[in-house]
Amino acid sequence: MASIKPLGDRVVVQPLEADEKTESGLYIPDSAQEKPQKGTVVAIGPGRVENGTKVDMTVSEGDEVLYGKYAGTEVTLDGGDFLIMRESDIFGVIEG
């Protein structure tokens, strides 16, 4: 399996699956499903350089994160869908 090594302050996120059913049990067609805004970090870059100083990443691999609806660039690798985005596109880490 190929892997992605992001550069700079970029992060590779695997989006969580969109809900296929409503709470009442109705199935939602693919065209009407909302784009997920949660995912799992699968790879991180080394960080960015700011004023000559390296700034480390604040997220780590395995973190479940929330990100913007239109954040990142979608890529498909080995049949899996991923998003590559800057760390600043991530709103927060889900804890607990």
N, C-alpha and C. Protein backbone atom coordinates (compact mmCIF):
# COMPACT_ATOMS: atom_id res chain seq x y z
N MET A 1 0.84 -1.18 0.00
CA MET A 1 0.00 0.00 0.00
C MET A 1 0.88 1.24 0.00
N ALA A 2 0.54 2.20 -0.82
CA ALA A 2 1.28 3.47 -0.88
C ALA A 2 0.90 4.33 0.32
N SER A 3 1.78 5.24 0.68
CA SER A 3 1.47 6.14 1.78
C SER A 3 1.73 7.57 1.34
N ILE A 4 1.12 8.51 2.04
CA ILE A 4 1.28 9.93 1.73
C ILE A 4 2.09 10.56 2.86
N LYS A 5 3.13 11.28 2.50
CA LYS A 5 3.93 12.03 3.48
C LYS A 5 3.69 13.51 3.19
N PRO A 6 2.82 14.17 3.98
CA PRO A 6 2.53 15.57 3.71
C PRO A 6 3.73 16.46 4.03
N LEU A 7 3.80 17.60 3.35
CA LEU A 7 4.88 18.55 3.53
C LEU A 7 4.42 19.74 4.37
N GLY A 8 5.35 20.39 5.02
CA GLY A 8 5.05 21.60 5.80
C GLY A 8 4.02 21.34 6.88
N ASP A 9 3.04 22.23 6.97
CA ASP A 9 2.01 22.11 8.01
C ASP A 9 0.74 21.44 7.48
N ARG A 10 0.90 20.55 6.52
CA ARG A 10 -0.25 19.85 5.95
C ARG A 10 -0.54 18.57 6.73
N VAL A 11 -1.80 18.16 6.67
CA VAL A 11 -2.29 17.00 7.41
C VAL A 11 -3.13 16.16 6.44
N VAL A 12 -3.02 14.84 6.52
CA VAL A 12 -3.86 13.94 5.74
C VAL A 12 -4.93 13.39 6.68
N VAL A 13 -6.19 13.59 6.30
CA VAL A 13 -7.33 13.17 7.12
C VAL A 13 -8.19 12.20 6.34
N GLN A 14 -8.59 11.12 7.00
CA GLN A 14 -9.54 10.18 6.40
C GLN A 14 -10.92 10.53 6.96
N PRO A 15 -11.82 11.06 6.11
CA PRO A 15 -13.14 11.46 6.59
C PRO A 15 -13.93 10.26 7.12
N LEU A 16 -14.74 10.51 8.15
CA LEU A 16 -15.64 9.48 8.65
C LEU A 16 -16.77 9.32 7.65
N GLU A 17 -17.39 8.16 7.63
CA GLU A 17 -18.47 7.89 6.69
C GLU A 17 -19.67 8.78 6.98
N ALA A 18 -20.34 9.24 5.93
CA ALA A 18 -21.54 10.05 6.07
C ALA A 18 -22.69 9.15 6.53
N ASP A 19 -23.63 9.75 7.27
CA ASP A 19 -24.80 9.00 7.72
C ASP A 19 -25.64 8.60 6.52
N GLU A 20 -26.02 7.32 6.49
CA GLU A 20 -26.85 6.83 5.39
C GLU A 20 -28.31 6.75 5.78
N LYS A 21 -28.60 6.86 7.09
CA LYS A 21 -29.97 6.80 7.57
C LYS A 21 -30.22 7.95 8.54
N THR A 22 -31.47 8.40 8.58
CA THR A 22 -31.85 9.39 9.58
C THR A 22 -32.10 8.67 10.89
N GLU A 23 -32.27 9.42 11.97
CA GLU A 23 -32.54 8.80 13.27
C GLU A 23 -33.83 8.00 13.25
N SER A 24 -34.79 8.38 12.39
CA SER A 24 -36.06 7.66 12.31
C SER A 24 -35.99 6.44 11.41
N GLY A 25 -34.83 6.22 10.75
CA GLY A 25 -34.66 5.02 9.94
C GLY A 25 -34.81 5.20 8.45
N LEU A 26 -35.04 6.43 7.98
CA LEU A 26 -35.15 6.67 6.55
C LEU A 26 -33.77 6.70 5.92
N TYR A 27 -33.62 6.08 4.75
CA TYR A 27 -32.34 6.08 4.05
C TYR A 27 -32.17 7.38 3.26
N ILE A 28 -30.96 7.93 3.30
CA ILE A 28 -30.64 9.18 2.61
C ILE A 28 -29.88 8.83 1.33
N PRO A 29 -30.35 9.30 0.16
CA PRO A 29 -29.60 9.02 -1.08
C PRO A 29 -28.24 9.72 -1.07
N ASP A 30 -27.27 9.17 -1.80
CA ASP A 30 -25.92 9.73 -1.83
C ASP A 30 -25.91 11.21 -2.17
N SER A 31 -26.76 11.62 -3.10
CA SER A 31 -26.77 13.01 -3.54
C SER A 31 -27.24 13.96 -2.45
N ALA A 32 -27.97 13.48 -1.46
CA ALA A 32 -28.51 14.34 -0.40
C ALA A 32 -27.69 14.26 0.89
N GLN A 33 -26.74 13.34 0.95
CA GLN A 33 -25.94 13.20 2.17
C GLN A 33 -25.02 14.39 2.34
N GLU A 34 -24.92 14.86 3.58
CA GLU A 34 -24.02 15.97 3.85
C GLU A 34 -22.59 15.47 3.89
N LYS A 35 -21.68 16.31 3.45
CA LYS A 35 -20.28 16.00 3.47
C LYS A 35 -19.83 15.92 4.94
N PRO A 36 -19.14 14.85 5.34
CA PRO A 36 -18.73 14.75 6.74
C PRO A 36 -17.73 15.85 7.11
N GLN A 37 -17.77 16.28 8.36
CA GLN A 37 -16.85 17.29 8.84
C GLN A 37 -15.99 16.76 9.96
N LYS A 38 -15.99 15.43 10.11
CA LYS A 38 -15.15 14.78 11.11
C LYS A 38 -14.29 13.75 10.40
N GLY A 39 -13.10 13.54 10.93
CA GLY A 39 -12.23 12.54 10.34
C GLY A 39 -11.09 12.19 11.27
N THR A 40 -10.28 11.24 10.83
CA THR A 40 -9.13 10.78 11.60
C THR A 40 -7.86 11.18 10.89
N VAL A 41 -6.92 11.75 11.64
CA VAL A 41 -5.63 12.14 11.08
C VAL A 41 -4.81 10.87 10.83
N VAL A 42 -4.36 10.68 9.58
CA VAL A 42 -3.58 9.49 9.25
C VAL A 42 -2.10 9.81 8.99
N ALA A 43 -1.78 11.09 8.74
CA ALA A 43 -0.38 11.49 8.53
C ALA A 43 -0.26 12.99 8.75
N ILE A 44 0.90 13.41 9.28
CA ILE A 44 1.15 14.84 9.49
C ILE A 44 2.50 15.21 8.91
N GLY A 45 2.62 16.46 8.50
CA GLY A 45 3.89 16.97 8.01
C GLY A 45 4.80 17.35 9.16
N PRO A 46 6.01 17.82 8.86
CA PRO A 46 6.98 18.15 9.90
C PRO A 46 6.68 19.45 10.64
N GLY A 47 5.80 20.28 10.12
CA GLY A 47 5.50 21.57 10.74
C GLY A 47 5.92 22.70 9.81
N ARG A 48 5.65 23.92 10.23
CA ARG A 48 5.98 25.07 9.39
C ARG A 48 7.13 25.86 10.00
N VAL A 49 7.73 26.71 9.19
CA VAL A 49 8.80 27.59 9.67
C VAL A 49 8.25 29.00 9.68
N GLU A 50 8.34 29.65 10.82
CA GLU A 50 7.82 31.00 10.99
C GLU A 50 8.92 31.87 11.57
N ASN A 51 9.32 32.90 10.83
CA ASN A 51 10.41 33.80 11.24
C ASN A 51 11.69 33.04 11.57
N GLY A 52 11.97 32.00 10.81
CA GLY A 52 13.19 31.23 11.00
C GLY A 52 13.13 30.19 12.11
N THR A 53 11.98 30.06 12.76
CA THR A 53 11.82 29.10 13.85
C THR A 53 10.82 28.03 13.44
N LYS A 54 11.15 26.77 13.69
CA LYS A 54 10.24 25.67 13.34
C LYS A 54 9.12 25.60 14.37
N VAL A 55 7.88 25.55 13.87
CA VAL A 55 6.70 25.43 14.73
C VAL A 55 6.16 24.02 14.55
N ASP A 56 6.15 23.24 15.63
CA ASP A 56 5.68 21.85 15.57
C ASP A 56 4.17 21.79 15.40
N MET A 57 3.71 20.66 14.90
CA MET A 57 2.28 20.43 14.69
C MET A 57 1.60 20.19 16.05
N THR A 58 0.33 20.62 16.16
CA THR A 58 -0.40 20.41 17.41
C THR A 58 -1.31 19.18 17.34
N VAL A 59 -1.56 18.65 16.14
CA VAL A 59 -2.33 17.41 16.01
C VAL A 59 -1.37 16.26 15.80
N SER A 60 -1.82 15.06 16.09
CA SER A 60 -0.99 13.87 15.86
C SER A 60 -1.79 12.81 15.14
N GLU A 61 -1.08 11.83 14.62
CA GLU A 61 -1.73 10.73 13.92
C GLU A 61 -2.67 10.02 14.88
N GLY A 62 -3.85 9.68 14.38
CA GLY A 62 -4.85 8.99 15.20
C GLY A 62 -5.86 9.92 15.85
N ASP A 63 -5.60 11.24 15.86
CA ASP A 63 -6.55 12.19 16.44
C ASP A 63 -7.82 12.25 15.59
N GLU A 64 -8.97 12.32 16.26
CA GLU A 64 -10.24 12.55 15.55
C GLU A 64 -10.48 14.05 15.59
N VAL A 65 -10.68 14.65 14.41
CA VAL A 65 -10.73 16.10 14.31
C VAL A 65 -12.00 16.60 13.62
N LEU A 66 -12.31 17.87 13.85
CA LEU A 66 -13.38 18.58 13.16
C LEU A 66 -12.74 19.57 12.21
N TYR A 67 -13.27 19.68 11.00
CA TYR A 67 -12.71 20.61 10.02
C TYR A 67 -13.84 21.26 9.24
N GLY A 68 -13.51 22.29 8.47
CA GLY A 68 -14.50 23.03 7.68
C GLY A 68 -15.13 22.18 6.60
N LYS A 69 -16.35 22.51 6.24
CA LYS A 69 -17.12 21.75 5.26
C LYS A 69 -16.40 21.65 3.91
N TYR A 70 -15.71 22.71 3.51
CA TYR A 70 -15.04 22.71 2.20
C TYR A 70 -13.52 22.73 2.34
N ALA A 71 -13.01 22.26 3.47
CA ALA A 71 -11.57 22.28 3.73
C ALA A 71 -10.85 21.19 2.95
N GLY A 72 -9.63 21.48 2.56
CA GLY A 72 -8.75 20.48 1.99
C GLY A 72 -9.01 20.13 0.53
N THR A 73 -8.13 19.29 0.05
CA THR A 73 -8.20 18.77 -1.31
C THR A 73 -8.45 17.28 -1.24
N GLU A 74 -9.47 16.80 -1.94
CA GLU A 74 -9.80 15.38 -1.92
C GLU A 74 -8.85 14.60 -2.82
N VAL A 75 -8.34 13.49 -2.31
CA VAL A 75 -7.49 12.59 -3.10
C VAL A 75 -7.94 11.16 -2.83
N THR A 76 -7.73 10.29 -3.82
CA THR A 76 -8.02 8.87 -3.67
C THR A 76 -6.72 8.11 -3.84
N LEU A 77 -6.40 7.26 -2.87
CA LEU A 77 -5.18 6.48 -2.91
C LEU A 77 -5.50 5.06 -2.48
N ASP A 78 -5.17 4.10 -3.31
CA ASP A 78 -5.44 2.68 -3.04
C ASP A 78 -6.90 2.43 -2.67
N GLY A 79 -7.81 3.12 -3.36
CA GLY A 79 -9.23 2.92 -3.13
C GLY A 79 -9.80 3.66 -1.94
N GLY A 80 -8.97 4.34 -1.17
CA GLY A 80 -9.45 5.09 -0.01
C GLY A 80 -9.53 6.57 -0.32
N ASP A 81 -10.51 7.25 0.27
CA ASP A 81 -10.65 8.69 0.08
C ASP A 81 -10.03 9.44 1.25
N PHE A 82 -9.23 10.46 0.93
CA PHE A 82 -8.54 11.25 1.95
C PHE A 82 -8.67 12.72 1.62
N LEU A 83 -8.41 13.56 2.62
CA LEU A 83 -8.33 15.00 2.44
C LEU A 83 -6.94 15.44 2.86
N ILE A 84 -6.33 16.30 2.07
CA ILE A 84 -5.06 16.91 2.47
C ILE A 84 -5.37 18.38 2.73
N MET A 85 -5.09 18.83 3.95
CA MET A 85 -5.41 20.21 4.34
C MET A 85 -4.32 20.78 5.23
N ARG A 86 -4.31 22.07 5.37
CA ARG A 86 -3.39 22.72 6.30
C ARG A 86 -3.92 22.52 7.71
N GLU A 87 -3.00 22.51 8.66
CA GLU A 87 -3.41 22.33 10.05
C GLU A 87 -4.37 23.42 10.48
N SER A 88 -4.23 24.62 9.92
CA SER A 88 -5.11 25.73 10.28
C SER A 88 -6.56 25.52 9.83
N ASP A 89 -6.80 24.57 8.91
CA ASP A 89 -8.17 24.24 8.47
C ASP A 89 -8.89 23.36 9.48
N ILE A 90 -8.16 22.84 10.46
CA ILE A 90 -8.74 21.99 11.49
C ILE A 90 -9.23 22.88 12.63
N PHE A 91 -10.51 22.70 13.02
CA PHE A 91 -11.10 23.52 14.07
C PHE A 91 -10.76 23.01 15.47
N GLY A 92 -10.65 21.70 15.62
CA GLY A 92 -10.37 21.15 16.94
C GLY A 92 -10.24 19.65 16.92
N VAL A 93 -9.73 19.12 18.04
CA VAL A 93 -9.56 17.68 18.25
C VAL A 93 -10.67 17.21 19.17
N ILE A 94 -11.33 16.12 18.80
CA ILE A 94 -12.39 15.56 19.62
C ILE A 94 -11.74 14.69 20.69
N GLU A 95 -12.01 14.99 21.95
CA GLU A 95 -11.42 14.24 23.06
C GLU A 95 -12.51 13.41 23.74
N GLY A 96 -12.07 12.30 24.29
CA GLY A 96 -12.98 11.49 25.08
C GLY A 96 -13.69 10.54 24.31
